[in-house]
Amino acid sequence: MKKLLFALAFTFIGQQAFSQMYIVTYTICASNHPAATACWTGTGYNNVLTIIDPSGTATYKCIGNPDINQDPSALIALNTEFNNITSQGYK
């Protein structure tokens, strides 16, 4: 009985160790950034949101950098991306 309890407890703890983690950074894009060609506007670079998923794959989203007091589109884009990540839930 003790062995069965130990096996079940170990299985439960082992399953909890597999968690998902996303790393998200919001930075200014530069000419040496991997998303530089996509974020070039012709007169300068947009900001870039870098998302690294649990498997280690990096994706880049170009987000404009307007004056937030006049145009909240950058905040709306950030909010949308964060909601997309959190809506996936735990797998």
N, C-alpha and C. Protein backbone atom coordinates (compact mmCIF):
# COMPACT_ATOMS: atom_id res chain seq x y z
N MET A 1 0.82 -1.18 0.00
CA MET A 1 0.00 0.00 0.00
C MET A 1 0.87 1.25 0.00
N LYS A 2 1.96 1.21 0.79
CA LYS A 2 2.85 2.37 0.84
C LYS A 2 3.51 2.60 -0.51
N LYS A 3 3.85 1.51 -1.20
CA LYS A 3 4.49 1.66 -2.51
C LYS A 3 3.52 2.29 -3.52
N LEU A 4 2.26 1.90 -3.46
CA LEU A 4 1.26 2.48 -4.36
C LEU A 4 1.06 3.96 -4.07
N LEU A 5 0.99 4.32 -2.81
CA LEU A 5 0.84 5.73 -2.43
C LEU A 5 2.05 6.54 -2.90
N PHE A 6 3.25 5.99 -2.72
CA PHE A 6 4.46 6.67 -3.16
C PHE A 6 4.46 6.86 -4.68
N ALA A 7 4.05 5.81 -5.41
CA ALA A 7 4.02 5.89 -6.88
C ALA A 7 3.03 6.94 -7.35
N LEU A 8 1.86 6.99 -6.74
CA LEU A 8 0.86 7.99 -7.11
C LEU A 8 1.33 9.41 -6.78
N ALA A 9 1.94 9.60 -5.63
CA ALA A 9 2.45 10.92 -5.25
C ALA A 9 3.56 11.36 -6.20
N PHE A 10 4.44 10.44 -6.56
CA PHE A 10 5.52 10.78 -7.48
C PHE A 10 4.97 11.13 -8.86
N THR A 11 3.96 10.41 -9.31
CA THR A 11 3.34 10.70 -10.61
C THR A 11 2.69 12.08 -10.59
N PHE A 12 2.01 12.40 -9.51
CA PHE A 12 1.36 13.72 -9.41
C PHE A 12 2.39 14.84 -9.42
N ILE A 13 3.45 14.70 -8.66
CA ILE A 13 4.50 15.72 -8.61
C ILE A 13 5.21 15.82 -9.96
N GLY A 14 5.42 14.69 -10.61
CA GLY A 14 6.09 14.69 -11.91
C GLY A 14 5.28 15.41 -12.97
N GLN A 15 3.97 15.27 -12.93
CA GLN A 15 3.13 15.96 -13.90
C GLN A 15 3.12 17.46 -13.66
N GLN A 16 3.22 17.88 -12.44
CA GLN A 16 3.21 19.30 -12.13
C GLN A 16 4.49 20.00 -12.56
N ALA A 17 5.56 19.25 -12.78
CA ALA A 17 6.84 19.84 -13.17
C ALA A 17 6.83 20.33 -14.62
N PHE A 18 5.93 19.80 -15.43
CA PHE A 18 5.85 20.20 -16.84
C PHE A 18 4.93 21.41 -16.96
N SER A 19 5.50 22.58 -16.84
CA SER A 19 4.69 23.79 -16.95
C SER A 19 5.09 24.56 -18.19
N GLN A 20 4.25 25.47 -18.60
CA GLN A 20 4.57 26.28 -19.76
C GLN A 20 4.95 27.67 -19.31
N MET A 21 5.91 28.24 -20.01
CA MET A 21 6.37 29.58 -19.67
C MET A 21 6.62 30.34 -20.96
N TYR A 22 6.10 31.53 -21.02
CA TYR A 22 6.35 32.42 -22.14
C TYR A 22 7.24 33.55 -21.65
N ILE A 23 8.16 33.97 -22.48
CA ILE A 23 8.98 35.13 -22.21
C ILE A 23 8.61 36.18 -23.25
N VAL A 24 8.27 37.37 -22.79
CA VAL A 24 7.84 38.44 -23.69
C VAL A 24 8.65 39.68 -23.39
N THR A 25 9.24 40.27 -24.43
CA THR A 25 9.95 41.54 -24.29
C THR A 25 9.43 42.53 -25.32
N TYR A 26 9.42 43.78 -24.94
CA TYR A 26 8.97 44.86 -25.81
C TYR A 26 10.13 45.85 -25.90
N THR A 27 10.76 45.92 -27.07
CA THR A 27 11.96 46.73 -27.22
C THR A 27 11.91 47.57 -28.49
N ILE A 28 12.86 48.46 -28.59
CA ILE A 28 13.04 49.24 -29.80
C ILE A 28 13.82 48.38 -30.79
N CYS A 29 13.33 48.32 -32.01
CA CYS A 29 14.00 47.52 -33.03
C CYS A 29 15.18 48.31 -33.59
N ALA A 30 16.24 47.62 -33.94
CA ALA A 30 17.43 48.24 -34.53
C ALA A 30 17.82 47.45 -35.78
N SER A 31 18.79 47.94 -36.48
CA SER A 31 19.17 47.32 -37.76
C SER A 31 19.73 45.91 -37.59
N ASN A 32 20.23 45.57 -36.41
CA ASN A 32 20.79 44.23 -36.21
C ASN A 32 19.80 43.26 -35.56
N HIS A 33 18.55 43.66 -35.42
CA HIS A 33 17.52 42.80 -34.83
C HIS A 33 17.01 41.82 -35.89
N PRO A 34 16.65 40.60 -35.50
CA PRO A 34 16.14 39.63 -36.49
C PRO A 34 14.88 40.11 -37.23
N ALA A 35 14.12 41.00 -36.64
CA ALA A 35 12.89 41.49 -37.28
C ALA A 35 13.09 42.87 -37.91
N ALA A 36 14.33 43.24 -38.15
CA ALA A 36 14.62 44.59 -38.64
C ALA A 36 13.96 44.88 -39.98
N THR A 37 13.99 43.94 -40.90
CA THR A 37 13.40 44.21 -42.22
C THR A 37 11.88 44.33 -42.13
N ALA A 38 11.27 43.57 -41.25
CA ALA A 38 9.81 43.63 -41.12
C ALA A 38 9.36 44.89 -40.38
N CYS A 39 10.18 45.41 -39.48
CA CYS A 39 9.78 46.55 -38.66
C CYS A 39 10.26 47.88 -39.22
N TRP A 40 10.90 47.87 -40.37
CA TRP A 40 11.36 49.12 -40.98
C TRP A 40 10.17 49.83 -41.61
N THR A 41 9.99 51.10 -41.31
CA THR A 41 8.85 51.86 -41.82
C THR A 41 9.21 52.75 -43.00
N GLY A 42 10.46 52.83 -43.35
CA GLY A 42 10.89 53.73 -44.41
C GLY A 42 11.57 54.96 -43.85
N THR A 43 11.15 55.36 -42.67
CA THR A 43 11.78 56.51 -42.01
C THR A 43 12.41 56.13 -40.68
N GLY A 44 12.13 54.96 -40.19
CA GLY A 44 12.67 54.50 -38.91
C GLY A 44 12.12 53.13 -38.57
N TYR A 45 12.47 52.65 -37.40
CA TYR A 45 12.04 51.33 -36.96
C TYR A 45 10.88 51.44 -35.98
N ASN A 46 9.93 50.50 -36.10
CA ASN A 46 8.88 50.36 -35.10
C ASN A 46 9.45 49.60 -33.91
N ASN A 47 8.70 49.59 -32.82
CA ASN A 47 9.07 48.75 -31.69
C ASN A 47 8.72 47.31 -32.04
N VAL A 48 9.32 46.38 -31.34
CA VAL A 48 9.08 44.96 -31.63
C VAL A 48 8.77 44.22 -30.33
N LEU A 49 7.76 43.36 -30.41
CA LEU A 49 7.39 42.49 -29.31
C LEU A 49 7.93 41.11 -29.63
N THR A 50 8.84 40.62 -28.80
CA THR A 50 9.44 39.30 -28.99
C THR A 50 8.77 38.33 -28.02
N ILE A 51 8.21 37.26 -28.57
CA ILE A 51 7.51 36.26 -27.77
C ILE A 51 8.24 34.93 -27.95
N ILE A 52 8.69 34.36 -26.84
CA ILE A 52 9.33 33.05 -26.87
C ILE A 52 8.39 32.07 -26.18
N ASP A 53 7.93 31.08 -26.93
CA ASP A 53 6.97 30.12 -26.38
C ASP A 53 7.69 29.01 -25.62
N PRO A 54 6.94 28.12 -24.95
CA PRO A 54 7.57 27.06 -24.15
C PRO A 54 8.51 26.15 -24.92
N SER A 55 8.31 26.01 -26.22
CA SER A 55 9.20 25.15 -27.00
C SER A 55 10.48 25.86 -27.41
N GLY A 56 10.58 27.17 -27.15
CA GLY A 56 11.79 27.92 -27.46
C GLY A 56 11.74 28.65 -28.79
N THR A 57 10.60 28.67 -29.44
CA THR A 57 10.46 29.35 -30.71
C THR A 57 10.17 30.83 -30.49
N ALA A 58 10.94 31.68 -31.13
CA ALA A 58 10.75 33.13 -31.00
C ALA A 58 9.91 33.65 -32.16
N THR A 59 8.92 34.47 -31.84
CA THR A 59 8.14 35.15 -32.86
C THR A 59 8.22 36.64 -32.59
N TYR A 60 8.15 37.43 -33.64
CA TYR A 60 8.31 38.87 -33.54
C TYR A 60 7.06 39.55 -34.08
N LYS A 61 6.57 40.53 -33.35
CA LYS A 61 5.42 41.33 -33.77
C LYS A 61 5.85 42.79 -33.78
N CYS A 62 5.78 43.41 -34.93
CA CYS A 62 6.10 44.83 -35.02
C CYS A 62 4.92 45.64 -34.53
N ILE A 63 5.20 46.54 -33.62
CA ILE A 63 4.17 47.39 -33.03
C ILE A 63 4.63 48.83 -33.17
N GLY A 64 3.78 49.66 -33.71
CA GLY A 64 4.13 51.07 -33.89
C GLY A 64 4.45 51.74 -32.57
N ASN A 65 5.06 52.88 -32.66
CA ASN A 65 5.41 53.61 -31.45
C ASN A 65 4.84 55.04 -31.48
N PRO A 66 3.50 55.14 -31.54
CA PRO A 66 2.90 56.47 -31.54
C PRO A 66 2.89 57.07 -30.14
N ASP A 67 2.55 58.34 -30.08
CA ASP A 67 2.36 59.00 -28.79
C ASP A 67 1.11 58.40 -28.14
N ILE A 68 1.27 57.74 -27.01
CA ILE A 68 0.17 57.02 -26.39
C ILE A 68 -0.96 57.97 -25.97
N ASN A 69 -0.63 59.21 -25.65
CA ASN A 69 -1.68 60.16 -25.28
C ASN A 69 -2.60 60.46 -26.45
N GLN A 70 -2.08 60.42 -27.66
CA GLN A 70 -2.88 60.74 -28.84
C GLN A 70 -3.44 59.50 -29.53
N ASP A 71 -2.69 58.41 -29.49
CA ASP A 71 -3.07 57.20 -30.23
C ASP A 71 -2.71 55.97 -29.40
N PRO A 72 -3.69 55.31 -28.80
CA PRO A 72 -3.40 54.14 -27.95
C PRO A 72 -3.25 52.83 -28.72
N SER A 73 -3.02 52.88 -30.03
CA SER A 73 -2.98 51.65 -30.83
C SER A 73 -1.87 50.70 -30.38
N ALA A 74 -0.73 51.22 -29.93
CA ALA A 74 0.35 50.35 -29.46
C ALA A 74 -0.07 49.60 -28.19
N LEU A 75 -0.75 50.29 -27.28
CA LEU A 75 -1.22 49.61 -26.07
C LEU A 75 -2.29 48.58 -26.40
N ILE A 76 -3.12 48.88 -27.37
CA ILE A 76 -4.15 47.93 -27.78
C ILE A 76 -3.50 46.68 -28.37
N ALA A 77 -2.47 46.86 -29.18
CA ALA A 77 -1.76 45.71 -29.76
C ALA A 77 -1.07 44.88 -28.68
N LEU A 78 -0.45 45.54 -27.71
CA LEU A 78 0.19 44.81 -26.61
C LEU A 78 -0.85 44.03 -25.80
N ASN A 79 -1.97 44.66 -25.51
CA ASN A 79 -3.03 44.00 -24.76
C ASN A 79 -3.56 42.79 -25.52
N THR A 80 -3.72 42.92 -26.82
CA THR A 80 -4.20 41.80 -27.63
C THR A 80 -3.23 40.62 -27.59
N GLU A 81 -1.94 40.91 -27.72
CA GLU A 81 -0.94 39.82 -27.69
C GLU A 81 -0.89 39.14 -26.34
N PHE A 82 -0.95 39.92 -25.25
CA PHE A 82 -0.94 39.31 -23.91
C PHE A 82 -2.21 38.48 -23.69
N ASN A 83 -3.34 38.96 -24.16
CA ASN A 83 -4.58 38.18 -24.04
C ASN A 83 -4.52 36.90 -24.85
N ASN A 84 -3.87 36.93 -26.02
CA ASN A 84 -3.71 35.71 -26.82
C ASN A 84 -2.89 34.67 -26.08
N ILE A 85 -1.85 35.13 -25.38
CA ILE A 85 -1.00 34.19 -24.62
C ILE A 85 -1.78 33.61 -23.45
N THR A 86 -2.45 34.46 -22.68
CA THR A 86 -3.15 33.96 -21.48
C THR A 86 -4.37 33.14 -21.83
N SER A 87 -5.00 33.37 -22.98
CA SER A 87 -6.19 32.61 -23.34
C SER A 87 -5.88 31.17 -23.73
N GLN A 88 -4.62 30.87 -23.97
CA GLN A 88 -4.25 29.50 -24.33
C GLN A 88 -4.37 28.57 -23.14
N GLY A 89 -4.30 29.11 -21.94
CA GLY A 89 -4.43 28.30 -20.75
C GLY A 89 -3.27 27.34 -20.58
N TYR A 90 -3.44 26.41 -19.68
CA TYR A 90 -2.40 25.41 -19.43
C TYR A 90 -2.68 24.17 -20.26
N LYS A 91 -1.63 23.62 -20.83
CA LYS A 91 -1.76 22.43 -21.66
C LYS A 91 -1.32 21.21 -20.88
